PDB file of N, CA and C in Angstrom:
ATOM      1  N   MET A   1      85.477 -36.794 -26.412  1.00  0.00           N
ATOM      2  CA  MET A   1      84.695 -37.495 -27.412  1.00  0.00           C
ATOM      3  C   MET A   1      84.370 -36.570 -28.592  1.00  0.00           C
ATOM      4  N   LYS A   2      84.036 -35.312 -28.279  1.00  0.00           N
ATOM      5  CA  LYS A   2      83.702 -34.359 -29.332  1.00  0.00           C
ATOM      6  C   LYS A   2      84.897 -34.126 -30.258  1.00  0.00           C
ATOM      7  N   LYS A   3      86.091 -34.060 -29.682  1.00  0.00           N
ATOM      8  CA  LYS A   3      87.292 -33.859 -30.494  1.00  0.00           C
ATOM      9  C   LYS A   3      87.529 -35.047 -31.423  1.00  0.00           C
ATOM     10  N   LEU A   4      87.263 -36.237 -30.929  1.00  0.00           N
ATOM     11  CA  LEU A   4      87.422 -37.432 -31.749  1.00  0.00           C
ATOM     12  C   LEU A   4      86.448 -37.419 -32.921  1.00  0.00           C
ATOM     13  N   LEU A   5      85.207 -37.060 -32.660  1.00  0.00           N
ATOM     14  CA  LEU A   5      84.209 -36.986 -33.732  1.00  0.00           C
ATOM     15  C   LEU A   5      84.580 -35.929 -34.763  1.00  0.00           C
ATOM     16  N   ASN A   6      85.063 -34.797 -34.299  1.00  0.00           N
ATOM     17  CA  ASN A   6      85.495 -33.742 -35.226  1.00  0.00           C
ATOM     18  C   ASN A   6      86.675 -34.203 -36.074  1.00  0.00           C
ATOM     19  N   ALA A   7      87.592 -34.943 -35.474  1.00  0.00           N
ATOM     20  CA  ALA A   7      88.744 -35.459 -36.215  1.00  0.00           C
ATOM     21  C   ALA A   7      88.290 -36.439 -37.294  1.00  0.00           C
ATOM     22  N   ILE A   8      87.356 -37.321 -36.944  1.00  0.00           N
ATOM     23  CA  ILE A   8      86.823 -38.273 -37.918  1.00  0.00           C
ATOM     24  C   ILE A   8      86.111 -37.535 -39.045  1.00  0.00           C
ATOM     25  N   LEU A   9      85.332 -36.538 -38.678  1.00  0.00           N
ATOM     26  CA  LEU A   9      84.617 -35.735 -39.668  1.00  0.00           C
ATOM     27  C   LEU A   9      85.599 -35.083 -40.634  1.00  0.00           C
ATOM     28  N   ASN A  10      86.639 -34.493 -40.096  1.00  0.00           N
ATOM     29  CA  ASN A  10      87.621 -33.804 -40.931  1.00  0.00           C
ATOM     30  C   ASN A  10      88.419 -34.753 -41.817  1.00  0.00           C
ATOM     31  N   LEU A  11      88.670 -35.967 -41.345  1.00  0.00           N
ATOM     32  CA  LEU A  11      89.478 -36.909 -42.109  1.00  0.00           C
ATOM     33  C   LEU A  11      88.708 -37.634 -43.200  1.00  0.00           C
ATOM     34  N   PHE A  12      87.467 -37.970 -42.941  1.00  0.00           N
ATOM     35  CA  PHE A  12      86.747 -38.850 -43.854  1.00  0.00           C
ATOM     36  C   PHE A  12      85.559 -38.205 -44.558  1.00  0.00           C
ATOM     37  N   ILE A  13      84.762 -37.490 -43.835  1.00  0.00           N
ATOM     38  CA  ILE A  13      83.504 -37.002 -44.394  1.00  0.00           C
ATOM     39  C   ILE A  13      83.690 -35.726 -45.189  1.00  0.00           C
ATOM     40  N   LYS A  14      84.396 -34.762 -44.653  1.00  0.00           N
ATOM     41  CA  LYS A  14      84.559 -33.484 -45.348  1.00  0.00           C
ATOM     42  C   LYS A  14      85.254 -33.615 -46.700  1.00  0.00           C
ATOM     43  N   PRO A  15      86.309 -34.410 -46.824  1.00  0.00           N
ATOM     44  CA  PRO A  15      86.924 -34.538 -48.155  1.00  0.00           C
ATOM     45  C   PRO A  15      85.963 -35.121 -49.198  1.00  0.00           C
ATOM     46  N   LYS A  16      85.164 -36.094 -48.824  1.00  0.00           N
ATOM     47  CA  LYS A  16      84.183 -36.673 -49.755  1.00  0.00           C
ATOM     48  C   LYS A  16      83.128 -35.644 -50.140  1.00  0.00           C
ATOM     49  N   LEU A  17      82.696 -34.869 -49.167  1.00  0.00           N
ATOM     50  CA  LEU A  17      81.714 -33.821 -49.418  1.00  0.00           C
ATOM     51  C   LEU A  17      82.291 -32.786 -50.384  1.00  0.00           C
ATOM     52  N   GLU A  18      83.534 -32.416 -50.176  1.00  0.00           N
ATOM     53  CA  GLU A  18      84.178 -31.442 -51.055  1.00  0.00           C
ATOM     54  C   GLU A  18      84.359 -31.995 -52.467  1.00  0.00           C
ATOM     55  N   GLU A  19      84.645 -33.294 -52.587  1.00  0.00           N
ATOM     56  CA  GLU A  19      84.756 -33.913 -53.906  1.00  0.00           C
ATOM     57  C   GLU A  19      83.423 -33.840 -54.648  1.00  0.00           C
ATOM     58  N   ARG A  20      82.341 -34.141 -53.944  1.00  0.00           N
ATOM     59  CA  ARG A  20      81.012 -34.072 -54.552  1.00  0.00           C
ATOM     60  C   ARG A  20      80.681 -32.647 -54.968  1.00  0.00           C
ATOM     61  N   LYS A  21      81.014 -31.685 -54.107  1.00  0.00           N
ATOM     62  CA  LYS A  21      80.749 -30.284 -54.430  1.00  0.00           C
ATOM     63  C   LYS A  21      81.511 -29.875 -55.680  1.00  0.00           C
ATOM     64  N   GLN A  22      82.776 -30.271 -55.760  1.00  0.00           N
ATOM     65  CA  GLN A  22      83.602 -29.890 -56.901  1.00  0.00           C
ATOM     66  C   GLN A  22      83.072 -30.503 -58.191  1.00  0.00           C
ATOM     67  N   ALA A  23      82.689 -31.763 -58.154  1.00  0.00           N
ATOM     68  CA  ALA A  23      82.147 -32.415 -59.349  1.00  0.00           C
ATOM     69  C   ALA A  23      80.861 -31.738 -59.798  1.00  0.00           C
ATOM     70  N   LEU A  24      80.008 -31.413 -58.849  1.00  0.00           N
ATOM     71  CA  LEU A  24      78.751 -30.743 -59.177  1.00  0.00           C
ATOM     72  C   LEU A  24      79.012 -29.331 -59.692  1.00  0.00           C
ATOM     73  N   ARG A  25      79.955 -28.635 -59.083  1.00  0.00           N
ATOM     74  CA  ARG A  25      80.314 -27.281 -59.523  1.00  0.00           C
ATOM     75  C   ARG A  25      80.794 -27.310 -60.976  1.00  0.00           C
ATOM     76  N   GLU A  26      81.644 -28.274 -61.313  1.00  0.00           N
ATOM     77  CA  GLU A  26      82.157 -28.378 -62.677  1.00  0.00           C
ATOM     78  C   GLU A  26      81.033 -28.648 -63.675  1.00  0.00           C
ATOM     79  N   LYS A  27      80.112 -29.525 -63.298  1.00  0.00           N
ATOM     80  CA  LYS A  27      78.986 -29.846 -64.178  1.00  0.00           C
ATOM     81  C   LYS A  27      78.112 -28.617 -64.422  1.00  0.00           C
ATOM     82  N   LEU A  28      77.814 -27.874 -63.361  1.00  0.00           N
ATOM     83  CA  LEU A  28      76.979 -26.683 -63.484  1.00  0.00           C
ATOM     84  C   LEU A  28      77.664 -25.602 -64.307  1.00  0.00           C
ATOM     85  N   GLU A  29      78.946 -25.380 -64.053  1.00  0.00           N
ATOM     86  CA  GLU A  29      79.682 -24.356 -64.791  1.00  0.00           C
ATOM     87  C   GLU A  29      79.814 -24.720 -66.271  1.00  0.00           C
ATOM     88  N   LYS A  30      80.002 -25.997 -66.564  1.00  0.00           N
ATOM     89  CA  LYS A  30      80.083 -26.439 -67.961  1.00  0.00           C
ATOM     90  C   LYS A  30      78.768 -26.172 -68.678  1.00  0.00           C
ATOM     91  N   GLU A  31      77.673 -26.494 -68.000  1.00  0.00           N
ATOM     92  CA  GLU A  31      76.358 -26.274 -68.620  1.00  0.00           C
ATOM     93  C   GLU A  31      76.113 -24.783 -68.846  1.00  0.00           C
ATOM     94  N   ILE A  32      76.536 -23.945 -67.913  1.00  0.00           N
ATOM     95  CA  ILE A  32      76.391 -22.495 -68.071  1.00  0.00           C
ATOM     96  C   ILE A  32      77.149 -22.017 -69.307  1.00  0.00           C
ATOM     97  N   SER A  33      78.365 -22.519 -69.483  1.00  0.00           N
ATOM     98  CA  SER A  33      79.187 -22.055 -70.604  1.00  0.00           C
ATOM     99  C   SER A  33      78.710 -22.575 -71.960  1.00  0.00           C
ATOM    100  N   GLU A  34      77.970 -23.678 -71.943  1.00  0.00           N
ATOM    101  CA  GLU A  34      77.554 -24.287 -73.212  1.00  0.00           C
ATOM    102  C   GLU A  34      76.128 -23.945 -73.644  1.00  0.00           C
ATOM    103  N   THR A  35      75.373 -23.257 -72.809  1.00  0.00           N
ATOM    104  CA  THR A  35      73.974 -23.005 -73.143  1.00  0.00           C
ATOM    105  C   THR A  35      73.739 -21.554 -73.540  1.00  0.00           C
ATOM    106  N   ASP A  36      72.684 -21.370 -74.311  1.00  0.00           N
ATOM    107  CA  ASP A  36      72.236 -20.020 -74.649  1.00  0.00           C
ATOM    108  C   ASP A  36      71.015 -19.633 -73.816  1.00  0.00           C
ATOM    109  N   SER A  37      70.510 -20.584 -73.038  1.00  0.00           N
ATOM    110  CA  SER A  37      69.305 -20.361 -72.243  1.00  0.00           C
ATOM    111  C   SER A  37      69.608 -19.524 -71.001  1.00  0.00           C
ATOM    112  N   GLU A  38      68.953 -18.384 -70.924  1.00  0.00           N
ATOM    113  CA  GLU A  38      69.126 -17.531 -69.743  1.00  0.00           C
ATOM    114  C   GLU A  38      68.588 -18.230 -68.492  1.00  0.00           C
ATOM    115  N   TRP A  39      67.504 -18.982 -68.649  1.00  0.00           N
ATOM    116  CA  TRP A  39      66.916 -19.688 -67.517  1.00  0.00           C
ATOM    117  C   TRP A  39      67.919 -20.697 -66.934  1.00  0.00           C
ATOM    118  N   VAL A  40      68.597 -21.444 -67.769  1.00  0.00           N
ATOM    119  CA  VAL A  40      69.578 -22.435 -67.312  1.00  0.00           C
ATOM    120  C   VAL A  40      70.735 -21.729 -66.600  1.00  0.00           C
ATOM    121  N   LYS A  41      71.160 -20.616 -67.148  1.00  0.00           N
ATOM    122  CA  LYS A  41      72.255 -19.865 -66.522  1.00  0.00           C
ATOM    123  C   LYS A  41      71.848 -19.353 -65.142  1.00  0.00           C
ATOM    124  N   ILE A  42      70.651 -18.810 -65.029  1.00  0.00           N
ATOM    125  CA  ILE A  42      70.170 -18.301 -63.743  1.00  0.00           C
ATOM    126  C   ILE A  42      70.021 -19.438 -62.742  1.00  0.00           C
ATOM    127  N   ARG A  43      69.395 -20.535 -63.184  1.00  0.00           N
ATOM    128  CA  ARG A  43      69.186 -21.679 -62.293  1.00  0.00           C
ATOM    129  C   ARG A  43      70.516 -22.242 -61.802  1.00  0.00           C
ATOM    130  N   ASN A  44      71.456 -22.452 -62.719  1.00  0.00           N
ATOM    131  CA  ASN A  44      72.733 -23.037 -62.325  1.00  0.00           C
ATOM    132  C   ASN A  44      73.537 -22.103 -61.436  1.00  0.00           C
ATOM    133  N   ASN A  45      73.458 -20.801 -61.685  1.00  0.00           N
ATOM    134  CA  ASN A  45      74.147 -19.860 -60.800  1.00  0.00           C
ATOM    135  C   ASN A  45      73.543 -19.880 -59.394  1.00  0.00           C
ATOM    136  N   ALA A  46      72.237 -20.056 -59.309  1.00  0.00           N
ATOM    137  CA  ALA A  46      71.591 -20.177 -57.999  1.00  0.00           C
ATOM    138  C   ALA A  46      72.084 -21.433 -57.284  1.00  0.00           C
ATOM    139  N   TYR A  47      72.153 -22.538 -58.021  1.00  0.00           N
ATOM    140  CA  TYR A  47      72.685 -23.771 -57.430  1.00  0.00           C
ATOM    141  C   TYR A  47      74.126 -23.576 -56.961  1.00  0.00           C
ATOM    142  N   LEU A  48      74.927 -22.871 -57.744  1.00  0.00           N
ATOM    143  CA  LEU A  48      76.322 -22.625 -57.354  1.00  0.00           C
ATOM    144  C   LEU A  48      76.404 -21.797 -56.073  1.00  0.00           C
ATOM    145  N   ASP A  49      75.520 -20.825 -55.928  1.00  0.00           N
ATOM    146  CA  ASP A  49      75.500 -20.017 -54.712  1.00  0.00           C
ATOM    147  C   ASP A  49      75.151 -20.867 -53.489  1.00  0.00           C
ATOM    148  N   ILE A  50      74.190 -21.743 -53.648  1.00  0.00           N
ATOM    149  CA  ILE A  50      73.773 -22.625 -52.549  1.00  0.00           C
ATOM    150  C   ILE A  50      74.862 -23.646 -52.238  1.00  0.00           C
ATOM    151  N   LEU A  51      75.538 -24.099 -53.255  1.00  0.00           N
ATOM    152  CA  LEU A  51      76.529 -25.158 -53.134  1.00  0.00           C
ATOM    153  C   LEU A  51      77.659 -24.813 -52.169  1.00  0.00           C
ATOM    154  N   ASP A  52      78.039 -23.557 -52.100  1.00  0.00           N
ATOM    155  CA  ASP A  52      79.158 -23.152 -51.245  1.00  0.00           C
ATOM    156  C   ASP A  52      78.961 -23.541 -49.789  1.00  0.00           C
ATOM    157  N   ASN A  53      77.744 -23.479 -49.295  1.00  0.00           N
ATOM    158  CA  ASN A  53      77.481 -23.790 -47.892  1.00  0.00           C
ATOM    159  C   ASN A  53      76.666 -25.069 -47.702  1.00  0.00           C
ATOM    160  N   ALA A  54      76.617 -25.878 -48.732  1.00  0.00           N
ATOM    161  CA  ALA A  54      75.765 -27.067 -48.700  1.00  0.00           C
ATOM    162  C   ALA A  54      76.360 -28.187 -47.853  1.00  0.00           C
ATOM    163  N   ASP A  55      75.464 -28.929 -47.213  1.00  0.00           N
ATOM    164  CA  ASP A  55      75.860 -30.151 -46.537  1.00  0.00           C
ATOM    165  C   ASP A  55      75.411 -31.322 -47.407  1.00  0.00           C
ATOM    166  N   GLY A  56      75.539 -32.523 -46.899  1.00  0.00           N
ATOM    167  CA  GLY A  56      75.206 -33.707 -47.671  1.00  0.00           C
ATOM    168  C   GLY A  56      73.770 -33.752 -48.152  1.00  0.00           C
ATOM    169  N   LYS A  57      72.837 -33.343 -47.313  1.00  0.00           N
ATOM    170  CA  LYS A  57      71.420 -33.386 -47.693  1.00  0.00           C
ATOM    171  C   LYS A  57      71.115 -32.397 -48.808  1.00  0.00           C
ATOM    172  N   VAL A  58      71.705 -31.221 -48.724  1.00  0.00           N
ATOM    173  CA  VAL A  58      71.487 -30.218 -49.767  1.00  0.00           C
ATOM    174  C   VAL A  58      72.102 -30.700 -51.083  1.00  0.00           C
ATOM    175  N   LEU A  59      73.294 -31.309 -51.013  1.00  0.00           N
ATOM    176  CA  LEU A  59      73.904 -31.851 -52.220  1.00  0.00           C
ATOM    177  C   LEU A  59      73.023 -32.919 -52.844  1.00  0.00           C
ATOM    178  N   ASP A  60      72.452 -33.780 -52.005  1.00  0.00           N
ATOM    179  CA  ASP A  60      71.544 -34.809 -52.512  1.00  0.00           C
ATOM    180  C   ASP A  60      70.373 -34.176 -53.256  1.00  0.00           C
ATOM    181  N   ALA A  61      69.804 -33.130 -52.689  1.00  0.00           N
ATOM    182  CA  ALA A  61      68.653 -32.464 -53.301  1.00  0.00           C
ATOM    183  C   ALA A  61      69.031 -31.812 -54.628  1.00  0.00           C
ATOM    184  N   ILE A  62      70.179 -31.167 -54.686  1.00  0.00           N
ATOM    185  CA  ILE A  62      70.623 -30.522 -55.927  1.00  0.00           C
ATOM    186  C   ILE A  62      70.898 -31.581 -56.991  1.00  0.00           C
ATOM    187  N   GLU A  63      71.600 -32.640 -56.610  1.00  0.00           N
ATOM    188  CA  GLU A  63      71.908 -33.703 -57.566  1.00  0.00           C
ATOM    189  C   GLU A  63      70.632 -34.362 -58.089  1.00  0.00           C
ATOM    190  N   LYS A  64      69.662 -34.552 -57.216  1.00  0.00           N
ATOM    191  CA  LYS A  64      68.393 -35.158 -57.621  1.00  0.00           C
ATOM    192  C   LYS A  64      67.645 -34.242 -58.603  1.00  0.00           C
ATOM    193  N   ALA A  65      67.640 -32.935 -58.314  1.00  0.00           N
ATOM    194  CA  ALA A  65      66.967 -31.987 -59.199  1.00  0.00           C
ATOM    195  C   ALA A  65      67.650 -31.933 -60.560  1.00  0.00           C
ATOM    196  N   ILE A  66      68.961 -31.967 -60.579  1.00  0.00           N
ATOM    197  CA  ILE A  66      69.699 -31.906 -61.834  1.00  0.00           C
ATOM    198  C   ILE A  66      69.486 -33.181 -62.651  1.00  0.00           C
ATOM    199  N   SER A  67      69.433 -34.310 -61.983  1.00  0.00           N
ATOM    200  CA  SER A  67      69.266 -35.569 -62.714  1.00  0.00           C
ATOM    201  C   SER A  67      67.895 -35.675 -63.382  1.00  0.00           C
ATOM    202  N   LYS A  68      66.912 -34.932 -62.888  1.00  0.00           N
ATOM    203  CA  LYS A  68      65.583 -34.931 -63.484  1.00  0.00           C
ATOM    204  C   LYS A  68      65.528 -34.125 -64.771  1.00  0.00           C
ATOM    205  N   LEU A  69      66.504 -33.233 -64.959  1.00  0.00           N
ATOM    206  CA  LEU A  69      66.483 -32.327 -66.122  1.00  0.00           C
ATOM    207  C   LEU A  69      66.857 -33.030 -67.397  1.00  0.00           C
TER     208      LEU A  69
END
């Protein structure tokens, strides 16, 4: 049963998670390159560091924080 769940996770959930990470990474990197604000650069670099090991809940939190800006 565990192998089946892992297979489902690898086929359906992980690719979607990686797509979200990539889209968020691109948005953060674009903002870093376009701003003169040191605070924005530091904040976005921190988000990028967290993003590498993020799961769905962490992505939700980062996306929510960014949408408030």
